[in-house]
Protein backbone atom coordinates (compact mmCIF):
# COMPACT_ATOMS: atom_id res chain seq x y z
CA UNK A 1 221.66 191.59 187.07
CA UNK A 2 221.17 188.04 185.75
CA UNK A 3 217.53 186.92 185.60
CA UNK A 4 218.02 184.26 188.30
CA UNK A 5 219.44 186.78 190.77
CA UNK A 6 216.78 189.33 189.84
CA UNK A 7 214.08 186.72 190.53
CA UNK A 8 215.63 185.88 193.89
CA UNK A 9 215.89 189.57 194.77
CA UNK A 10 212.23 190.13 193.92
CA UNK A 11 211.15 187.08 195.94
CA UNK A 12 213.26 188.14 198.92
CA UNK A 13 211.94 191.71 198.75
CA UNK A 14 208.34 190.44 198.56
CA UNK A 15 208.87 188.09 201.49
CA UNK A 16 210.44 190.85 203.57
CA UNK A 17 207.66 193.26 202.61
CA UNK A 18 205.02 190.74 203.66
CA UNK A 19 206.82 190.25 206.96
CA UNK A 20 206.81 194.00 207.59
CA UNK A 21 203.13 194.50 206.70
CA UNK A 22 200.70 196.25 209.03
CA UNK A 23 201.12 195.04 212.61
CA UNK A 24 198.96 192.16 213.75
CA UNK A 25 199.24 190.49 217.11
CA UNK A 26 198.82 187.07 215.43
CA UNK A 27 202.05 187.22 213.46
CA UNK A 28 204.88 185.70 215.52
CA UNK A 29 208.54 185.76 214.53
CA UNK A 30 211.15 183.43 215.97
CA UNK A 31 214.79 184.36 216.42
CA UNK A 32 217.16 181.99 218.22
CA UNK A 33 218.84 184.83 220.14
CA UNK A 34 215.87 187.15 220.66
CA UNK A 35 213.14 184.53 221.08
CA UNK A 36 209.57 185.06 219.91
CA UNK A 37 208.11 188.48 219.21
CA UNK A 38 205.05 189.78 217.41
CA UNK A 39 204.64 192.72 215.10
CA UNK A 40 202.46 194.26 217.80
CA UNK A 41 205.59 194.44 219.96
CA UNK A 42 207.49 196.55 217.44
CA UNK A 43 207.53 199.50 219.83
CA UNK A 44 209.92 197.49 222.01
CA UNK A 45 212.46 197.05 219.19
CA UNK A 46 216.17 197.39 220.01
CA UNK A 47 217.83 200.76 219.39
CA UNK A 48 218.27 202.00 215.82
CA UNK A 49 221.04 200.12 214.04
CA UNK A 50 221.36 197.26 216.53
CA UNK A 51 222.09 193.93 214.81
CA UNK A 52 219.06 191.72 215.43
CA UNK A 53 219.90 188.61 213.45
CA UNK A 54 222.01 187.49 210.52
CA UNK A 55 221.92 185.05 207.65
CA UNK A 56 224.92 183.96 205.59
CA UNK A 57 227.05 186.65 207.21
CA UNK A 58 224.67 189.55 206.44
CA UNK A 59 223.00 191.18 209.45
CA UNK A 60 219.49 192.56 209.73
CA UNK A 61 219.44 195.71 211.83
CA UNK A 62 216.76 197.16 214.07
CA UNK A 63 214.85 200.18 212.87
CA UNK A 64 214.43 201.31 216.48
CA UNK A 65 211.32 203.35 217.24
CA UNK A 66 210.47 203.31 213.52
CA UNK A 67 210.17 199.49 213.43
CA UNK A 68 207.03 198.42 211.49
CA UNK A 69 206.29 201.96 210.25
CA UNK A 70 207.89 201.99 206.79
CA UNK A 71 210.09 204.94 207.83
CA UNK A 72 213.81 204.78 208.56
CA UNK A 73 215.36 205.68 211.90
CA UNK A 74 218.53 206.55 210.01
CA UNK A 75 219.61 208.07 206.73
CA UNK A 76 219.74 206.93 203.12
CA UNK A 77 222.74 204.69 202.52
CA UNK A 78 224.42 202.81 199.69
CA UNK A 79 221.58 200.29 199.43
CA UNK A 80 218.59 202.56 200.17
CA UNK A 81 216.84 203.76 203.33
CA UNK A 82 218.81 202.08 206.07
CA UNK A 83 217.21 199.32 208.13
CA UNK A 84 214.31 198.85 205.70
CA UNK A 85 213.43 195.51 204.07
CA UNK A 86 214.45 196.57 200.57
CA UNK A 87 217.79 197.90 201.87
CA UNK A 88 218.40 194.50 203.48
CA UNK A 89 217.61 192.68 200.24
CA UNK A 90 219.85 194.99 198.20
CA UNK A 91 222.70 194.72 200.73
CA UNK A 92 222.36 190.93 200.94
CA UNK A 93 222.60 190.45 197.17
CA UNK A 94 225.45 192.96 196.87
CA UNK A 95 227.50 191.22 199.54
CA UNK A 96 226.68 187.64 198.55
CA UNK A 97 226.51 187.92 194.75
CA UNK A 98 228.27 191.18 193.88
CA UNK A 99 225.18 192.85 192.43
CA UNK A 100 224.92 196.62 192.32
CA UNK A 101 222.02 198.52 193.88
CA UNK A 102 219.17 199.01 191.40
CA UNK A 103 218.53 202.61 192.49
């Protein structure tokens, strides 16, 4: 993977990891379709695999009852544990830039 793409992948993974850190009621997310929600409301996440939002044609999917836990509600897929932040980063870069998964 070219250094520029690798740097972007690392930054995206770090940002997504920070967003999925331990639940705090102070952290509020905004989604135009879903509205505001906090990490404390993760238990009310849509069913496993439901598309929650998308960016540049790549969807982020709900991790269902496992939202905010670090575990996957599904299986291991092409890009890693499905519906996890690193899987999203890997899938995004594969679809947008043609990179191959790094594990």
